[in-house]
Protein backbone atom coordinates (compact mmCIF):
# COMPACT_ATOMS: atom_id res chain seq x y z
CA MET A 1 -11.68 -25.81 -2.69
CA ARG A 2 -9.18 -23.88 -4.87
CA SER A 3 -6.16 -22.24 -3.49
CA ASP A 4 -7.42 -18.71 -4.51
CA THR A 5 -10.57 -19.44 -2.62
CA ARG A 6 -8.80 -20.46 0.53
CA LYS A 7 -6.59 -17.43 0.45
CA ALA A 8 -9.54 -15.16 -0.09
CA LEU A 9 -11.34 -16.85 3.03
CA LEU A 10 -8.24 -16.37 5.12
CA SER A 11 -8.01 -12.82 4.02
CA GLN A 12 -11.64 -12.08 4.72
CA ALA A 13 -11.32 -13.55 8.18
CA LEU A 14 -8.37 -11.09 8.79
CA LEU A 15 -10.39 -8.27 7.60
CA ASP A 16 -13.49 -9.19 9.68
CA GLN A 17 -11.25 -9.51 12.77
CA LEU A 18 -9.66 -6.19 12.01
CA ALA A 19 -13.00 -4.67 12.06
CA THR A 20 -13.61 -5.53 15.73
CA VAL A 21 -10.13 -6.04 17.38
CA SER A 22 -6.57 -4.58 17.25
CA ALA A 23 -3.94 -6.36 15.06
CA ASP A 24 -2.14 -7.45 18.17
CA GLN A 25 -5.18 -9.72 19.09
CA ILE A 26 -5.26 -11.50 15.80
CA SER A 27 -3.46 -15.00 15.48
CA VAL A 28 -3.24 -17.66 12.95
CA SER A 29 -5.58 -19.80 15.24
CA SER A 30 -8.19 -16.95 15.48
CA ILE A 31 -8.22 -16.65 11.55
CA THR A 32 -8.32 -20.37 10.81
CA LYS A 33 -11.20 -20.88 13.42
CA ALA A 34 -13.21 -17.96 11.81
CA CYS A 35 -13.06 -19.24 8.34
CA GLY A 36 -13.14 -23.05 9.17
CA LEU A 37 -9.80 -24.09 7.77
CA SER A 38 -6.95 -25.85 9.41
CA ARG A 39 -3.63 -24.28 10.59
CA GLN A 40 -2.09 -26.60 8.11
CA SER A 41 -4.09 -24.98 5.35
CA PHE A 42 -3.05 -21.62 6.55
CA TYR A 43 0.74 -22.50 6.42
CA TYR A 44 0.19 -24.12 3.06
CA HIS A 45 -0.80 -20.66 1.54
CA PHE A 46 1.21 -18.31 3.82
CA HIS A 47 4.46 -18.60 5.83
CA ASN A 48 3.15 -16.22 8.50
CA LEU A 49 0.61 -13.55 9.41
CA HIS A 50 2.82 -10.86 7.64
CA GLU A 51 2.39 -12.61 4.39
CA LEU A 52 -1.37 -12.78 4.95
CA TYR A 53 -1.52 -9.05 5.77
CA ALA A 54 0.67 -8.17 2.66
CA TRP A 55 -1.47 -10.41 0.22
CA THR A 56 -4.65 -8.90 1.91
CA PHE A 57 -3.44 -5.42 1.56
CA HIS A 58 -2.40 -5.94 -2.16
CA HIS A 59 -5.85 -7.35 -3.19
CA VAL A 60 -7.74 -4.63 -1.15
CA LEU A 61 -5.66 -1.98 -2.68
CA LEU A 62 -6.10 -3.54 -6.24
CA LYS A 63 -9.86 -3.28 -5.80
CA ILE A 64 -9.68 0.36 -4.70
CA VAL A 65 -7.25 1.54 -7.50
CA GLN A 66 -8.37 -0.79 -10.31
CA PRO A 67 -11.17 1.57 -11.53
CA VAL A 68 -8.67 4.54 -11.88
CA ARG A 69 -5.60 2.50 -12.95
CA ASP A 70 -5.16 4.30 -16.23
CA GLU A 71 -5.61 7.80 -14.84
CA GLY A 72 -2.21 7.95 -13.18
CA TRP A 73 -0.78 7.39 -9.88
CA GLN A 74 -1.88 10.81 -8.42
CA THR A 75 -5.44 9.92 -8.98
CA GLN A 76 -4.67 6.48 -7.46
CA VAL A 77 -3.26 8.00 -4.40
CA GLN A 78 -6.33 10.30 -4.01
CA VAL A 79 -8.60 7.26 -4.26
CA LEU A 80 -6.62 5.34 -1.76
CA LEU A 81 -6.65 8.24 0.66
CA ALA A 82 -10.31 8.66 0.23
CA SER A 83 -10.74 4.85 1.04
CA MET A 84 -8.51 5.16 4.05
CA TYR A 85 -10.48 8.08 5.27
CA GLU A 86 -13.70 6.20 4.82
CA ASN A 87 -12.24 3.16 6.77
CA ARG A 88 -10.64 5.22 9.54
CA PRO A 89 -11.40 2.67 12.40
CA LEU A 90 -9.91 -0.24 10.37
CA ILE A 91 -6.80 1.77 9.53
CA GLU A 92 -6.38 2.68 13.14
CA ARG A 93 -6.52 -0.83 14.20
CA VAL A 94 -3.92 -1.92 11.59
CA THR A 95 -1.63 0.88 12.69
CA GLN A 96 -1.90 0.04 16.22
CA GLY A 97 -0.62 -3.51 15.91
CA SER A 98 2.95 -4.04 16.76
CA GLY A 99 3.52 -7.64 15.74
CA ASN A 100 2.47 -7.36 12.17
CA PRO A 101 3.70 -5.35 9.14
CA SER A 102 3.25 -1.77 9.60
CA MET A 103 0.98 0.35 7.27
CA ALA A 104 4.19 2.05 5.98
CA GLU A 105 5.80 -1.27 4.98
CA LEU A 106 2.66 -2.36 3.09
CA LEU A 107 2.25 0.99 1.45
CA LYS A 108 5.91 1.08 0.54
CA ASP A 109 5.74 -2.46 -1.06
CA GLU A 110 2.56 -1.58 -3.03
CA PHE A 111 3.45 2.03 -4.07
CA GLY A 112 7.03 1.34 -4.89
CA ILE A 113 6.03 -0.72 -7.84
CA HIS A 114 3.72 1.91 -9.24
CA ILE A 115 6.04 4.79 -8.64
CA MET A 116 8.85 2.94 -10.33
CA ARG A 117 6.56 2.45 -13.31
CA ALA A 118 5.80 6.23 -13.25
CA VAL A 119 9.43 7.19 -13.06
CA GLU A 120 10.24 4.68 -16.04
CA GLU A 121 7.55 6.30 -18.10
CA SER A 122 8.55 9.92 -17.20
CA ALA A 123 12.10 9.00 -17.81
CA ALA A 124 11.54 8.10 -21.43
CA GLY A 125 13.83 10.33 -23.59
CA PHE A 126 16.34 10.93 -20.75
CA ASP A 127 19.59 9.24 -20.42
CA ILE A 128 19.40 8.12 -16.85
CA LEU A 129 21.13 5.09 -15.33
CA PRO A 130 18.77 2.35 -14.08
CA ARG A 131 20.21 2.71 -10.43
CA ASP A 132 19.36 6.47 -10.59
CA ARG A 133 15.83 5.70 -11.76
CA ALA A 134 15.58 3.27 -8.86
CA LEU A 135 16.92 5.99 -6.50
CA ILE A 136 14.22 8.42 -7.71
CA ALA A 137 11.49 5.96 -7.25
CA ARG A 138 12.70 5.12 -3.84
CA PHE A 139 12.90 8.75 -2.87
CA TYR A 140 9.32 9.37 -4.06
CA THR A 141 8.03 6.23 -2.43
CA ALA A 142 9.55 7.02 0.97
CA GLY A 143 8.28 10.62 0.74
CA LEU A 144 4.82 9.43 -0.18
CA VAL A 145 4.56 6.71 2.43
CA GLU A 146 5.94 9.10 5.15
CA ILE A 147 3.37 11.79 4.50
CA ILE A 148 0.50 9.22 4.41
CA LYS A 149 1.83 7.80 7.75
CA ILE A 150 1.91 11.18 9.33
CA TRP A 151 -1.58 11.88 8.06
CA VAL A 152 -2.84 8.63 9.49
CA ASP A 153 -1.06 9.24 12.80
CA ASP A 154 -2.61 12.72 12.91
CA GLY A 155 -6.06 11.27 12.87
CA MET A 156 -6.59 11.94 9.09
CA ARG A 157 -7.80 15.47 9.85
CA GLU A 158 -6.89 16.94 6.40
CA SER A 159 -9.21 15.97 3.62
CA PRO A 160 -8.04 13.26 1.27
CA GLU A 161 -8.46 15.55 -1.65
CA ARG A 162 -6.36 18.30 -0.10
CA LEU A 163 -3.51 15.94 0.87
CA ALA A 164 -3.63 14.28 -2.71
CA HIS A 165 -3.38 17.89 -4.15
CA ARG A 166 -0.35 18.78 -1.96
CA LEU A 167 1.33 15.54 -2.85
CA GLY A 168 0.77 16.35 -6.50
CA ILE A 169 2.99 19.31 -6.17
CA PHE A 170 5.90 17.09 -5.49
CA ILE A 171 4.98 14.79 -8.41
CA ALA A 172 4.86 17.75 -10.79
CA ASN A 173 8.53 18.39 -10.06
CA LEU A 174 9.65 14.90 -11.23
CA SER A 175 10.63 16.14 -14.73
CA GLU A 176 12.98 18.64 -13.21
CA ILE A 177 14.64 15.85 -11.07
CA LEU A 178 14.91 13.62 -14.00
CA ASN A 179 16.50 16.45 -15.99
CA ASN A 180 19.14 16.85 -13.31
CA PHE A 181 19.99 13.03 -13.62
CA ASP A 182 20.12 13.21 -17.29
CA ARG A 183 23.61 12.10 -18.32
CA SER A 184 23.28 13.47 -21.93
CA ARG A 185 23.26 17.11 -20.71
């Protein structure tokens, strides 16, 4: 069996368990037992459950946003929010777990990359130091993740479309922020 296949089996076992129990009730043993792999196989592919969560989250997120990848990160955020909304019970189980990476950590890791890319693209033509570009990306990432976390903690009462629209207002002001960092002014 290929390495990617084993990782996918472990990931699916994690998702299957998250569909029925809280994250605190999931262990390496329960995952390996569910997919018929050994603990040794688990540790060959992942150092710990945190890595499995991150790998799983990354691949689930890719499947969600891949169809809209070229439409910009505001559309990607809207698609992600809609998917989270549709899978509320699963999201609630993940956010209730205390021993594994938080939803905020996972979102920060994933969105940080995309937001940095958006900042780099938007900064073309500006004379902005790399550390300032990174600061701007971290600022937007932290804000985006915190708003999504609040939305989840509040029971996702606001529609994903409305929240994405409101987040878009902040995104629209990116060029003004870049202009303020432009050293050539």
